Protein backbone atom coordinates (compact mmCIF):
# COMPACT_ATOMS: atom_id res chain seq x y z
CA MET A 1 -157.21 -16.66 135.20
CA LEU A 2 -154.79 -16.31 132.25
CA GLU A 3 -155.22 -18.71 129.53
CA GLY A 4 -156.64 -21.30 131.92
CA GLU A 5 -153.92 -20.68 134.51
CA LEU A 6 -154.76 -19.40 138.00
CA ILE A 7 -152.10 -16.60 138.59
CA GLY A 8 -153.66 -15.04 141.73
CA ALA A 9 -156.69 -14.19 143.86
CA LEU A 10 -158.27 -10.90 144.79
CA GLY A 11 -160.74 -10.91 147.71
CA LEU A 12 -162.76 -8.37 149.76
CA LEU A 13 -163.13 -8.39 153.50
CA SER A 14 -165.68 -6.55 155.69
CA SER A 15 -166.82 -6.91 159.26
CA GLU A 16 -170.24 -6.05 158.37
CA SER A 17 -172.52 -8.61 156.60
CA GLY A 18 -173.82 -7.65 153.25
CA PHE A 19 -171.57 -4.59 153.10
CA PHE A 20 -170.33 -5.24 149.51
CA LYS A 21 -172.97 -4.65 146.78
CA ASP A 22 -172.99 -5.77 143.22
CA GLU A 23 -171.29 -2.64 141.89
CA HIS A 24 -168.50 -3.32 144.33
CA LEU A 25 -168.00 -6.83 142.85
CA GLU A 26 -168.00 -5.34 139.36
CA ILE A 27 -165.25 -3.00 140.28
CA VAL A 28 -163.20 -5.74 141.78
CA GLN A 29 -163.84 -7.89 138.71
CA GLU A 30 -162.53 -4.97 136.42
CA VAL A 31 -159.44 -4.41 138.51
CA ALA A 32 -158.79 -8.13 138.36
CA ASN A 33 -159.18 -8.16 134.57
CA GLN A 34 -156.78 -5.16 134.24
CA LEU A 35 -154.16 -6.99 136.55
CA VAL A 36 -154.45 -10.05 134.31
CA ILE A 37 -153.71 -7.87 131.19
CA ALA A 38 -150.83 -6.19 133.03
CA ILE A 39 -149.27 -9.47 133.97
CA GLN A 40 -149.91 -10.84 130.45
CA GLN A 41 -148.11 -7.84 128.94
CA ALA A 42 -145.28 -8.18 131.40
CA ARG A 43 -144.78 -11.79 130.48
CA LEU A 44 -144.93 -10.87 126.64
CA ASN A 45 -142.31 -8.12 127.23
CA GLU A 46 -140.06 -10.58 129.03
CA GLN A 47 -140.43 -13.04 126.18
CA ILE A 48 -139.68 -10.38 123.51
CA ARG A 49 -136.74 -9.39 125.57
CA ARG A 50 -135.35 -13.01 125.74
CA HIS A 51 -135.97 -13.46 121.94
CA SER A 52 -134.30 -10.21 121.27
CA CYS A 53 -131.28 -11.31 123.24
CA ASP A 54 -131.30 -14.71 121.48
CA LEU A 55 -131.49 -13.04 118.01
CA GLU A 56 -128.72 -10.55 118.97
CA GLU A 57 -126.53 -13.48 119.94
CA ARG A 58 -127.35 -15.42 116.61
CA VAL A 59 -126.51 -12.19 114.71
CA LYS A 60 -123.17 -11.98 116.38
CA GLN A 61 -122.55 -15.62 115.67
CA ARG A 62 -123.48 -15.26 112.05
CA THR A 63 -121.36 -12.02 111.75
CA ALA A 64 -118.46 -13.86 113.23
CA GLN A 65 -118.96 -16.70 110.75
CA LEU A 66 -119.25 -14.18 107.81
CA GLU A 67 -116.01 -12.32 108.83
CA ALA A 68 -114.27 -15.69 109.09
CA ALA A 69 -115.55 -16.61 105.66
CA ASN A 70 -114.41 -13.29 104.31
CA LYS A 71 -110.86 -13.77 105.64
CA GLU A 72 -110.77 -17.33 104.16
CA LEU A 73 -111.78 -15.63 100.79
CA GLU A 74 -109.16 -13.04 101.14
CA ALA A 75 -106.59 -15.80 101.86
CA PHE A 76 -107.89 -17.68 98.87
CA ALA A 77 -107.61 -14.51 96.60
CA TYR A 78 -104.10 -13.83 97.82
CA SER A 79 -103.21 -17.52 97.00
CA VAL A 80 -104.75 -17.32 93.56
CA SER A 81 -103.03 -13.99 92.90
CA HIS A 82 -99.48 -15.11 93.92
CA ASP A 83 -99.36 -18.88 93.87
CA LEU A 84 -101.43 -19.77 90.81
CA ARG A 85 -100.64 -16.93 88.51
CA SER A 86 -96.78 -17.36 88.74
CA PRO A 87 -96.81 -20.97 87.18
CA LEU A 88 -99.39 -19.75 84.56
CA ARG A 89 -97.15 -16.98 83.45
CA ALA A 90 -94.14 -19.32 83.52
CA ILE A 91 -95.92 -21.70 81.22
CA ASP A 92 -96.86 -18.82 78.81
CA GLY A 93 -93.24 -17.37 79.03
CA PHE A 94 -91.43 -20.51 78.40
CA SER A 95 -93.91 -21.52 75.67
CA ARG A 96 -93.25 -18.22 73.88
CA ILE A 97 -89.44 -18.79 74.17
CA ILE A 98 -89.77 -22.10 72.44
CA VAL A 99 -92.03 -20.64 69.72
CA GLU A 100 -89.64 -17.75 69.07
CA ASP A 101 -86.23 -19.61 69.31
CA TYR A 102 -87.05 -23.19 68.37
CA ALA A 103 -89.82 -22.85 65.77
CA ASP A 104 -87.56 -24.00 62.95
CA ARG A 105 -86.97 -27.28 64.81
CA LEU A 106 -90.66 -28.04 65.24
CA ASP A 107 -93.11 -29.03 62.60
CA GLU A 108 -96.31 -27.18 61.97
CA GLU A 109 -98.20 -29.29 64.46
CA GLY A 110 -95.72 -28.68 67.21
CA ASN A 111 -95.87 -24.90 66.75
CA ARG A 112 -99.66 -25.08 66.73
CA LEU A 113 -99.86 -26.94 70.00
CA LEU A 114 -97.45 -24.66 71.67
CA ASN A 115 -99.60 -21.79 70.68
CA VAL A 116 -102.67 -23.56 72.04
CA VAL A 117 -100.70 -23.88 75.36
CA ARG A 118 -100.00 -20.15 75.33
CA ASP A 119 -103.53 -19.12 74.57
CA ASN A 120 -104.93 -21.25 77.32
CA ALA A 121 -102.55 -20.09 79.85
CA GLN A 122 -103.44 -16.51 78.97
CA LYS A 123 -107.16 -17.25 79.12
CA MET A 124 -106.64 -18.79 82.63
CA ASP A 125 -104.69 -15.73 83.67
CA LYS A 126 -107.47 -13.42 82.50
CA LEU A 127 -110.17 -15.61 84.36
CA ILE A 128 -108.06 -15.38 87.55
CA THR A 129 -107.84 -11.61 87.12
CA ASP A 130 -111.58 -11.29 86.67
CA LEU A 131 -112.25 -13.53 89.80
CA LEU A 132 -110.12 -11.39 91.83
CA SER A 133 -111.89 -8.27 90.46
CA LEU A 134 -115.20 -9.94 91.54
CA SER A 135 -113.76 -10.52 95.00
CA ARG A 136 -112.65 -6.96 95.45
CA VAL A 137 -115.92 -5.57 94.45
CA SER A 138 -117.43 -7.06 97.58
CA ARG A 139 -114.75 -6.12 100.04
CA ASN A 140 -113.56 -2.66 99.05
CA GLU A 141 -114.94 0.25 100.90
CA MET A 142 -117.23 2.55 98.79
CA ASN A 143 -116.70 6.37 98.47
CA LEU A 144 -120.04 7.74 97.30
CA THR A 145 -120.16 11.15 95.43
CA ASN A 146 -122.21 12.81 92.68
CA ILE A 147 -121.25 11.65 89.14
CA ASP A 148 -121.84 13.12 85.76
CA MET A 149 -122.95 9.79 84.37
CA SER A 150 -123.24 11.05 80.76
CA GLY A 151 -119.75 12.47 80.91
CA MET A 152 -118.35 9.33 82.51
CA ALA A 153 -119.99 7.08 79.82
CA GLY A 154 -118.47 9.21 77.02
CA SER A 155 -115.07 9.15 78.72
CA VAL A 156 -115.17 5.37 79.07
CA TYR A 157 -116.04 4.86 75.48
CA ARG A 158 -113.18 7.09 74.29
CA GLU A 159 -110.76 5.08 76.48
CA LEU A 160 -111.96 1.75 75.20
CA ALA A 161 -112.50 2.34 71.54
CA SER A 162 -109.61 2.04 69.09
CA PRO A 163 -109.37 4.53 66.26
CA GLU A 164 -110.67 1.78 63.94
CA VAL A 165 -113.68 1.14 66.20
CA LYS A 166 -114.46 4.90 66.43
CA ASP A 167 -114.56 5.13 62.62
CA ARG A 168 -116.90 2.27 62.21
CA PHE A 169 -119.29 2.92 65.12
CA ASN A 170 -122.14 5.29 65.42
CA ILE A 171 -122.52 6.44 68.94
CA ASP A 172 -125.22 8.49 70.64
CA ILE A 173 -124.93 9.49 74.25
CA GLY A 174 -128.00 11.12 75.54
CA PRO A 175 -128.73 13.04 78.67
CA MET A 176 -128.76 11.13 81.98
CA PRO A 177 -129.59 12.07 85.57
CA GLU A 178 -126.72 12.68 87.82
CA GLY A 179 -125.72 9.61 89.78
CA TYR A 180 -124.59 9.20 93.41
CA ALA A 181 -122.14 6.28 93.61
CA ASP A 182 -118.55 5.19 93.99
CA PRO A 183 -116.86 6.72 90.83
CA VAL A 184 -114.25 3.88 90.60
CA LEU A 185 -116.98 1.11 90.78
CA MET A 186 -119.27 2.98 88.47
CA LYS A 187 -116.52 3.42 85.74
CA GLN A 188 -116.21 -0.51 85.97
CA VAL A 189 -119.99 -0.71 85.29
CA TRP A 190 -119.79 1.57 82.19
CA SER A 191 -116.68 -0.22 81.06
CA ASN A 192 -118.18 -3.70 81.14
CA LEU A 193 -121.37 -2.46 79.49
CA ILE A 194 -119.81 -0.60 76.69
CA SER A 195 -116.98 -3.16 75.95
CA ASN A 196 -119.79 -5.86 75.75
CA ALA A 197 -121.88 -3.70 73.42
CA MET A 198 -118.90 -3.08 71.13
CA LYS A 199 -117.85 -6.65 71.14
CA TYR A 200 -121.21 -8.06 70.22
CA THR A 201 -122.05 -5.29 67.73
CA LEU A 202 -118.64 -5.18 65.91
CA PRO A 203 -119.69 -7.91 63.31
CA ARG A 204 -122.55 -5.77 62.06
CA ASP A 205 -122.30 -3.65 58.89
CA GLU A 206 -123.46 -0.46 60.58
CA PRO A 207 -122.77 -0.89 64.33
CA PHE A 208 -124.64 1.59 66.50
CA ILE A 209 -124.62 2.07 70.27
CA SER A 210 -126.73 4.51 72.23
CA MET A 211 -126.61 5.44 75.87
CA GLY A 212 -128.94 7.43 78.08
CA GLY A 213 -130.84 7.55 81.28
CA TYR A 214 -134.11 8.63 82.98
CA ARG A 215 -135.70 8.93 86.37
CA GLU A 216 -138.50 6.35 87.22
CA ASP A 217 -140.15 5.30 90.50
CA GLY A 218 -137.58 6.80 92.77
CA LYS A 219 -134.61 5.38 90.86
CA ASN A 220 -132.12 6.66 88.23
CA VAL A 221 -132.15 4.20 85.39
CA TYR A 222 -129.31 4.01 82.86
CA TYR A 223 -128.93 1.95 79.66
CA VAL A 224 -126.62 0.89 76.96
CA LYS A 225 -128.50 -0.13 73.65
CA ASP A 226 -126.87 -1.85 70.66
CA THR A 227 -127.63 -3.21 67.26
CA GLY A 228 -125.46 -6.36 67.76
CA VAL A 229 -126.32 -10.14 67.74
CA GLY A 230 -128.69 -9.84 70.65
CA PHE A 231 -129.67 -12.95 72.76
CA ASP A 232 -132.59 -15.36 73.18
CA PRO A 233 -134.89 -13.86 75.82
CA LYS A 234 -135.65 -17.24 77.35
CA TYR A 235 -131.99 -17.17 78.48
CA GLU A 236 -132.09 -13.66 80.03
CA HIS A 237 -131.86 -15.20 83.63
CA LYS A 238 -128.39 -16.46 82.76
CA LEU A 239 -126.83 -13.27 81.66
CA PHE A 240 -125.59 -11.97 84.96
CA GLY A 241 -124.65 -15.49 86.38
CA LEU A 242 -121.00 -16.23 86.99
CA PHE A 243 -119.34 -18.11 84.08
CA GLN A 244 -122.71 -18.00 82.17
CA ARG A 245 -122.20 -17.49 78.40
CA LEU A 246 -124.78 -17.41 75.63
CA HIS A 247 -122.25 -17.46 72.88
CA THR A 248 -119.33 -19.84 72.27
CA GLU A 249 -115.84 -18.68 72.90
CA LYS A 250 -115.02 -19.16 69.23
CA GLU A 251 -117.79 -16.68 68.41
CA PHE A 252 -116.91 -14.13 71.14
CA GLU A 253 -114.01 -14.28 73.60
CA GLY A 254 -114.62 -13.71 77.29
CA THR A 255 -114.63 -15.25 80.69
CA GLY A 256 -118.31 -15.06 81.64
CA VAL A 257 -117.49 -12.86 84.75
CA GLY A 258 -117.90 -9.16 83.47
CA LEU A 259 -121.72 -9.12 83.92
CA ALA A 260 -121.54 -10.85 87.26
CA ILE A 261 -119.11 -8.13 88.39
CA LEU A 262 -121.43 -5.48 87.02
CA GLN A 263 -124.44 -6.87 88.97
CA ARG A 264 -122.57 -7.14 92.22
CA ILE A 265 -121.48 -3.43 91.99
CA VAL A 266 -124.92 -2.29 91.22
CA HIS A 267 -126.48 -4.39 94.03
CA ARG A 268 -123.94 -2.96 96.49
CA HIS A 269 -125.31 0.52 95.66
CA GLY A 270 -128.91 -0.68 96.20
CA GLY A 271 -129.82 -0.91 92.58
CA SER A 272 -130.70 -3.59 90.13
CA VAL A 273 -129.77 -4.86 86.61
CA TRP A 274 -131.78 -6.31 83.70
CA ALA A 275 -131.68 -6.70 79.96
CA LYS A 276 -133.93 -6.93 77.01
CA GLY A 277 -133.06 -8.40 73.62
CA ALA A 278 -133.77 -10.75 70.73
CA VAL A 279 -131.52 -12.74 68.51
CA ASN A 280 -129.99 -10.73 65.71
CA GLU A 281 -131.99 -7.66 66.89
CA GLY A 282 -129.55 -6.25 69.45
CA ALA A 283 -129.75 -5.77 73.04
CA THR A 284 -130.40 -3.24 75.80
CA PHE A 285 -128.71 -3.57 79.21
CA TYR A 286 -130.23 -1.52 82.13
CA PHE A 287 -129.03 -0.73 85.60
CA SER A 288 -130.66 1.52 88.25
CA LEU A 289 -129.31 3.43 91.23
CA PRO A 290 -131.33 5.04 94.08
CA VAL A 291 -131.99 8.65 93.86
CA ARG A 292 -130.02 10.43 96.47
CA GLU A 293 -132.15 12.12 99.19
CA VAL A 294 -130.76 15.54 99.57
CA SER A 295 -130.76 16.86 103.17
CA ASP A 296 -130.99 20.46 104.38
CA ASN A 297 -127.36 20.27 105.28
CA ASP A 298 -126.12 19.38 101.85
CA GLY A 299 -126.40 22.85 100.52
CA LYS A 300 -124.66 24.41 103.52
């Protein structure tokens, strides 16, 4: 019996009456029990095989759906890049011509409105550029290599900071563990973090930014700390969301996409991002990367 179901019968035959003793019956009972277990395992294996086939088919279907969605996203990105940006740039270009060549024929309000049109066209173009960058982050193939993170952070700062900013800012770049990541994407991470730190620290009388890293719980952790305007900790969950801004555009310009790009890059590398801060007390942004497991062949 298997779960109340009769699946077979095992009998003994002998021409001699009373030939089989109790020990014979016990042996037969044990053999029957083992057969039941074997049949049960065979049925379970068949169920597992069928479920595995079903799961594999579902994975194929979901993969096909994902590939189709990615193709649609690429088509959308192409459309945004070529079809939407062209009229935006035309609006900006013709508005600039009017401002430059016909400013004397317009009153002060007319010139102001044309400059508003230009500003908004440029902001929309920047937003489209950032969205395309976000799209490319997920699609481009990664080329992983060892990276001098301290050297990269210093190089990115020197590229981003104008001479005036360098004169005002105090910068400290501490030691960092070597990273194993895509250098192009990781440069984008440092660029987003450092440019954010400079933007939100620039209003301070004595702006200070420090960068460093350490190893913890099997991961390399890197950070950028500033003495800027900070943020309310209760809104920390919004920091890395798309289009999420904790400050108005009048206070600090931006599209609200930069930190979302940063998060997506770090997640692709198997890491995580987080931040700590307080209003008017600065902020520290962290990201982690898995420590590379070095094999015996790496040194050969």
